[in-house]
Amino acid sequence: MAICRAHKAALAVFFQQWRAKRALGAFLAQNGELLGGEPPPPFVFAIGDGKGRRGRVAGGGQQRQGSACAQQGKADNIPPNLGGDIMRAILSGSPFPATWLNAAVLRCRAEQNVTYQRAAAIKASLNRLQRFQPNQSLDKELSDMLDLENTSPAYRLGRLFAALEKIQEEASPGLNATIRDRYYGAASSTPVAVFTTLLRLKNHHLAKLTNRGRAVNFERLLGEIMGGLSDFPKHLSLPEQGRFALGYYHQRQDFFSKSESSQSMQSTQGESK
């Protein structure tokens, strides 16, 4: 029995999506946890059919509306060609499209929030770009977690911003908003304009800490981070803003890991008594 044209078109779309899901699954399996310690998140790409219509292909074996790198978190706001461009990069091993990196960085700035999904997109984009366009000042790829040996000024500035935010949080518990909500966009794009102000605020916040040993530890951390900085740049390019976001994300995750480890140790000691 002959298959009608509509059924042929439906089958073609089905097999296109099936092949796309297999390719995405293979990519995630090969790359594992992009940032370490967490499973790759499910995500959705909007893929155009060339006629103005878009279908959705799920990664990670699940479907989820929206994307962390799209405005308002909606898949409908993803640029029409982005999904196809990312798929071609996955299959060919070529650099990821610049629009993916741009979208992730811009959403971090617009929402003053570096999520796991955005950090993963930024890391994957920058590392793939480094393989094809080696930068002598960045002779190694970005790691899965906090890298104390990373000498990138932008990465260190991100770490510094995370440390200053942590000091503020411990000095004033229960804040509705931190320096991230007010200064992240400017700090990640024009550091020289805000970091002098933030360092002055840091002195006030450190003075409020009742645990002086904690204050000393923060001072040592700030010294370690700033030891690799000669000056605050006037402007950071978009890739550098991506490194800033990763430095911030990695440092924040390191704080959380140490806090959870400390709480677990205290709980174990309490049970043993």
Protein backbone atom coordinates (compact mmCIF):
# COMPACT_ATOMS: atom_id res chain seq x y z
CA MET A 1 0.00 0.00 0.00
CA ALA A 2 1.42 3.34 -0.97
CA ILE A 3 2.17 5.73 1.86
CA CYS A 4 0.56 9.13 1.37
CA ARG A 5 2.70 12.25 1.23
CA ALA A 6 1.59 13.44 4.70
CA HIS A 7 2.62 10.12 6.26
CA LYS A 8 6.00 10.28 4.52
CA ALA A 9 6.55 13.79 5.90
CA ALA A 10 5.57 12.65 9.41
CA LEU A 11 7.96 9.70 9.21
CA ALA A 12 10.76 11.97 8.01
CA VAL A 13 10.26 14.31 10.98
CA PHE A 14 10.11 11.34 13.37
CA PHE A 15 13.41 9.87 12.13
CA GLN A 16 15.06 13.32 12.13
CA GLN A 17 14.14 13.79 15.79
CA TRP A 18 15.16 10.22 16.66
CA ARG A 19 18.59 10.70 15.08
CA ALA A 20 18.96 14.04 16.85
CA LYS A 21 18.12 12.51 20.24
CA ARG A 22 20.63 9.70 19.67
CA ALA A 23 23.34 12.19 18.75
CA LEU A 24 22.62 14.30 21.84
CA GLY A 25 22.64 11.23 24.05
CA ALA A 26 26.00 10.14 22.64
CA PHE A 27 27.42 13.62 23.15
CA LEU A 28 26.35 13.74 26.80
CA ALA A 29 27.63 10.22 27.40
CA GLN A 30 31.04 11.12 25.97
CA ASN A 31 31.35 14.39 27.87
CA GLY A 32 29.83 13.19 31.14
CA GLU A 33 29.16 15.86 33.72
CA LEU A 34 30.15 19.12 32.03
CA LEU A 35 30.87 20.79 35.35
CA GLY A 36 31.39 17.80 37.62
CA GLY A 37 29.27 16.21 40.29
CA GLU A 38 25.89 16.71 38.63
CA PRO A 39 24.07 14.82 35.88
CA PRO A 40 23.63 16.62 32.58
CA PRO A 41 20.34 18.54 32.72
CA PRO A 42 17.49 17.85 30.31
CA PHE A 43 17.05 20.55 27.71
CA VAL A 44 15.11 21.33 24.59
CA PHE A 45 16.30 22.59 21.22
CA ALA A 46 13.90 24.21 18.79
CA ILE A 47 14.78 22.96 15.31
CA GLY A 48 13.30 24.61 12.23
CA ASP A 49 11.90 22.67 9.30
CA GLY A 50 12.83 25.36 6.78
CA LYS A 51 9.22 26.53 6.42
CA GLY A 52 8.90 28.72 9.48
CA ARG A 53 7.71 25.84 11.69
CA ARG A 54 9.72 24.52 14.59
CA GLY A 55 9.73 21.18 16.32
CA ARG A 56 11.39 20.29 19.61
CA VAL A 57 14.05 17.70 20.21
CA ALA A 58 14.75 16.76 23.82
CA GLY A 59 18.19 16.05 25.21
CA GLY A 60 18.90 13.86 28.21
CA GLY A 61 15.96 11.61 27.36
CA GLN A 62 13.38 14.08 28.65
CA GLN A 63 11.33 16.92 27.28
CA ARG A 64 11.15 20.21 29.10
CA GLN A 65 9.61 23.48 27.98
CA GLY A 66 12.01 26.38 27.78
CA SER A 67 15.76 26.75 27.90
CA ALA A 68 18.03 28.37 30.46
CA CYS A 69 19.73 30.40 27.72
CA ALA A 70 16.51 31.80 26.24
CA GLN A 71 14.60 34.92 27.24
CA GLN A 72 11.91 34.14 29.83
CA GLY A 73 13.17 30.53 29.80
CA LYS A 74 11.01 29.65 26.80
CA ALA A 75 12.13 27.45 23.91
CA ASP A 76 10.07 29.62 21.55
CA ASN A 77 12.53 32.45 22.21
CA ILE A 78 15.56 30.44 21.04
CA PRO A 79 16.92 31.73 17.69
CA PRO A 80 15.45 29.46 14.97
CA ASN A 81 18.81 28.16 13.71
CA LEU A 82 20.55 27.69 17.05
CA GLY A 83 19.45 24.09 17.64
CA GLY A 84 20.56 23.00 14.18
CA ASP A 85 23.89 24.82 14.52
CA ILE A 86 24.60 23.13 17.86
CA MET A 87 23.66 19.76 16.41
CA ARG A 88 26.06 20.24 13.49
CA ALA A 89 28.83 21.19 15.94
CA ILE A 90 28.14 18.04 18.00
CA LEU A 91 28.18 15.76 14.97
CA SER A 92 31.19 17.37 13.28
CA GLY A 93 33.24 18.25 16.36
CA SER A 94 33.50 21.87 15.22
CA PRO A 95 33.19 24.94 17.51
CA PHE A 96 29.77 25.60 18.96
CA PRO A 97 27.90 28.59 17.48
CA ALA A 98 28.82 31.94 18.98
CA THR A 99 25.13 32.65 19.49
CA TRP A 100 24.97 29.90 22.15
CA LEU A 101 27.78 31.46 24.18
CA ASN A 102 26.32 34.93 23.66
CA ALA A 103 22.87 33.83 24.79
CA ALA A 104 24.20 32.14 27.96
CA VAL A 105 26.35 35.14 28.93
CA LEU A 106 23.62 37.67 28.23
CA ARG A 107 21.07 35.74 30.29
CA CYS A 108 23.53 35.63 33.20
CA ARG A 109 23.85 39.41 33.00
CA ALA A 110 20.16 40.11 32.45
CA GLU A 111 19.03 37.94 35.38
CA GLN A 112 22.16 38.38 37.56
CA ASN A 113 22.24 34.62 37.96
CA VAL A 114 24.66 31.94 36.75
CA THR A 115 22.72 28.68 36.64
CA TYR A 116 24.12 25.19 36.11
CA GLN A 117 22.77 25.04 32.56
CA ARG A 118 24.25 28.42 31.58
CA ALA A 119 27.61 27.57 33.13
CA ALA A 120 27.62 24.27 31.23
CA ALA A 121 26.89 26.03 27.93
CA ILE A 122 29.62 28.59 28.55
CA LYS A 123 32.21 25.99 29.53
CA ALA A 124 31.43 23.75 26.56
CA SER A 125 31.58 26.70 24.13
CA LEU A 126 34.85 28.14 25.46
CA ASN A 127 36.62 24.79 25.65
CA ARG A 128 35.61 23.81 22.12
CA LEU A 129 36.74 27.23 20.86
CA GLN A 130 40.08 26.85 22.67
CA ARG A 131 40.74 23.59 20.82
CA PHE A 132 40.30 25.25 17.43
CA GLN A 133 41.72 28.70 18.23
CA PRO A 134 44.40 28.15 20.87
CA ASN A 135 45.03 31.20 23.03
CA GLN A 136 48.60 31.26 24.33
CA SER A 137 47.50 33.11 27.48
CA LEU A 138 44.94 30.35 28.15
CA ASP A 139 46.97 27.24 27.52
CA LYS A 140 44.55 24.84 29.19
CA GLU A 141 40.83 24.20 29.05
CA LEU A 142 38.42 25.21 31.76
CA SER A 143 38.07 22.53 34.41
CA ASP A 144 34.98 20.89 35.89
CA MET A 145 35.31 22.63 39.24
CA LEU A 146 37.18 25.41 41.03
CA ASP A 147 40.63 25.82 39.48
CA LEU A 148 43.04 27.60 41.83
CA GLU A 149 45.71 27.57 39.11
CA ASN A 150 43.60 29.37 36.51
CA THR A 151 45.38 32.67 35.83
CA SER A 152 42.71 34.20 33.58
CA PRO A 153 41.96 37.70 34.98
CA ALA A 154 38.29 37.31 34.07
CA TYR A 155 38.05 33.94 35.86
CA ARG A 156 39.75 35.39 38.95
CA LEU A 157 37.45 38.41 38.92
CA GLY A 158 34.47 36.05 38.93
CA ARG A 159 35.96 34.24 41.92
CA LEU A 160 36.59 37.57 43.64
CA PHE A 161 32.99 38.67 43.10
CA ALA A 162 31.72 35.38 44.57
CA ALA A 163 33.99 35.80 47.62
CA LEU A 164 32.81 39.37 48.21
CA GLU A 165 29.19 38.23 47.98
CA LYS A 166 29.84 35.41 50.46
CA ILE A 167 31.39 37.86 52.94
CA GLN A 168 28.32 40.08 52.66
CA GLU A 169 25.97 37.12 53.19
CA GLU A 170 27.75 36.00 56.36
CA ALA A 171 28.00 39.56 57.69
CA SER A 172 24.28 40.22 57.14
CA PRO A 173 22.33 36.92 57.20
CA GLY A 174 18.87 36.97 55.69
CA LEU A 175 19.48 39.67 53.10
CA ASN A 176 16.78 39.93 50.45
CA ALA A 177 19.36 41.04 47.87
CA THR A 178 23.14 40.84 47.66
CA ILE A 179 25.79 42.65 45.62
CA ARG A 180 25.03 40.17 42.83
CA ASP A 181 21.56 41.66 42.33
CA ARG A 182 22.93 45.18 41.98
CA TYR A 183 26.43 44.81 40.56
CA TYR A 184 26.78 41.53 38.63
CA GLY A 185 26.17 43.04 35.18
CA ALA A 186 28.68 45.86 35.63
CA ALA A 187 31.25 43.69 37.45
CA SER A 188 31.26 41.12 34.64
CA SER A 189 31.52 43.65 31.80
CA THR A 190 33.28 46.78 33.16
CA PRO A 191 35.13 45.63 36.32
CA VAL A 192 37.04 48.86 36.90
CA ALA A 193 33.75 50.71 37.38
CA VAL A 194 32.57 48.71 40.41
CA PHE A 195 35.29 46.65 42.09
CA THR A 196 36.80 49.62 43.93
CA THR A 197 33.38 50.24 45.48
CA LEU A 198 32.92 46.55 46.27
CA LEU A 199 36.29 46.32 48.03
CA ARG A 200 35.36 49.31 50.21
CA LEU A 201 32.09 47.60 51.13
CA LYS A 202 34.07 44.44 51.91
CA ASN A 203 35.89 46.23 54.75
CA HIS A 204 32.55 47.16 56.31
CA HIS A 205 31.23 43.61 55.95
CA LEU A 206 34.36 42.00 57.42
CA ALA A 207 34.13 44.29 60.46
CA LYS A 208 30.63 42.95 61.16
CA LEU A 209 31.76 39.30 61.34
CA THR A 210 31.73 38.11 64.95
CA ASN A 211 33.97 35.14 64.14
CA ARG A 212 37.36 36.78 63.71
CA GLY A 213 38.94 33.54 62.52
CA ARG A 214 36.42 33.49 59.69
CA ALA A 215 37.33 37.07 58.81
CA VAL A 216 41.01 36.12 58.65
CA ASN A 217 40.23 33.19 56.36
CA PHE A 218 38.31 35.48 54.03
CA GLU A 219 41.23 37.92 53.94
CA ARG A 220 43.57 35.08 52.98
CA LEU A 221 41.20 33.95 50.23
CA LEU A 222 40.95 37.48 48.84
CA GLY A 223 44.73 37.76 48.91
CA GLU A 224 45.11 34.47 47.00
CA ILE A 225 42.63 35.56 44.33
CA MET A 226 43.91 39.10 43.92
CA GLY A 227 47.51 37.94 43.90
CA GLY A 228 47.01 37.00 40.26
CA LEU A 229 45.46 40.34 39.30
CA SER A 230 47.58 43.29 38.25
CA ASP A 231 44.68 45.69 37.69
CA PHE A 232 40.94 45.83 37.09
CA PRO A 233 40.20 45.79 33.32
CA LYS A 234 38.12 48.57 31.84
CA HIS A 235 36.15 46.14 29.71
CA LEU A 236 35.70 42.38 29.32
CA SER A 237 34.88 40.82 25.95
CA LEU A 238 31.98 38.37 25.69
CA PRO A 239 34.23 35.27 26.02
CA GLU A 240 35.90 36.91 29.04
CA GLN A 241 32.48 37.56 30.53
CA GLY A 242 31.89 33.83 30.12
CA ARG A 243 35.08 33.09 32.08
CA PHE A 244 33.93 35.57 34.74
CA ALA A 245 30.64 33.66 35.02
CA LEU A 246 32.47 30.34 35.40
CA GLY A 247 34.86 31.73 38.01
CA TYR A 248 31.88 33.03 39.96
CA TYR A 249 29.97 29.74 39.59
CA HIS A 250 32.92 27.54 40.56
CA GLN A 251 33.77 29.64 43.64
CA ARG A 252 30.14 29.65 44.80
CA GLN A 253 29.90 25.88 44.37
CA ASP A 254 33.12 25.46 46.36
CA PHE A 255 31.61 27.48 49.22
CA PHE A 256 28.49 25.31 49.16
CA SER A 257 30.52 22.08 49.10
CA LYS A 258 32.59 23.12 52.11
CA SER A 259 29.48 24.24 53.99
CA GLU A 260 27.73 20.92 53.36
CA SER A 261 30.85 19.00 54.37
CA SER A 262 31.14 20.99 57.60
CA GLN A 263 27.46 20.44 58.47
CA SER A 264 27.78 16.72 57.77
CA MET A 265 30.84 16.46 60.02
CA GLN A 266 29.08 18.33 62.84
CA SER A 267 26.06 16.05 62.51
CA THR A 268 28.26 12.93 62.67
CA GLN A 269 30.07 14.20 65.76
CA GLY A 270 26.74 14.99 67.44
CA GLU A 271 25.45 11.48 66.85
CA SER A 272 28.62 9.90 68.23
CA LYS A 273 28.35 11.70 71.56
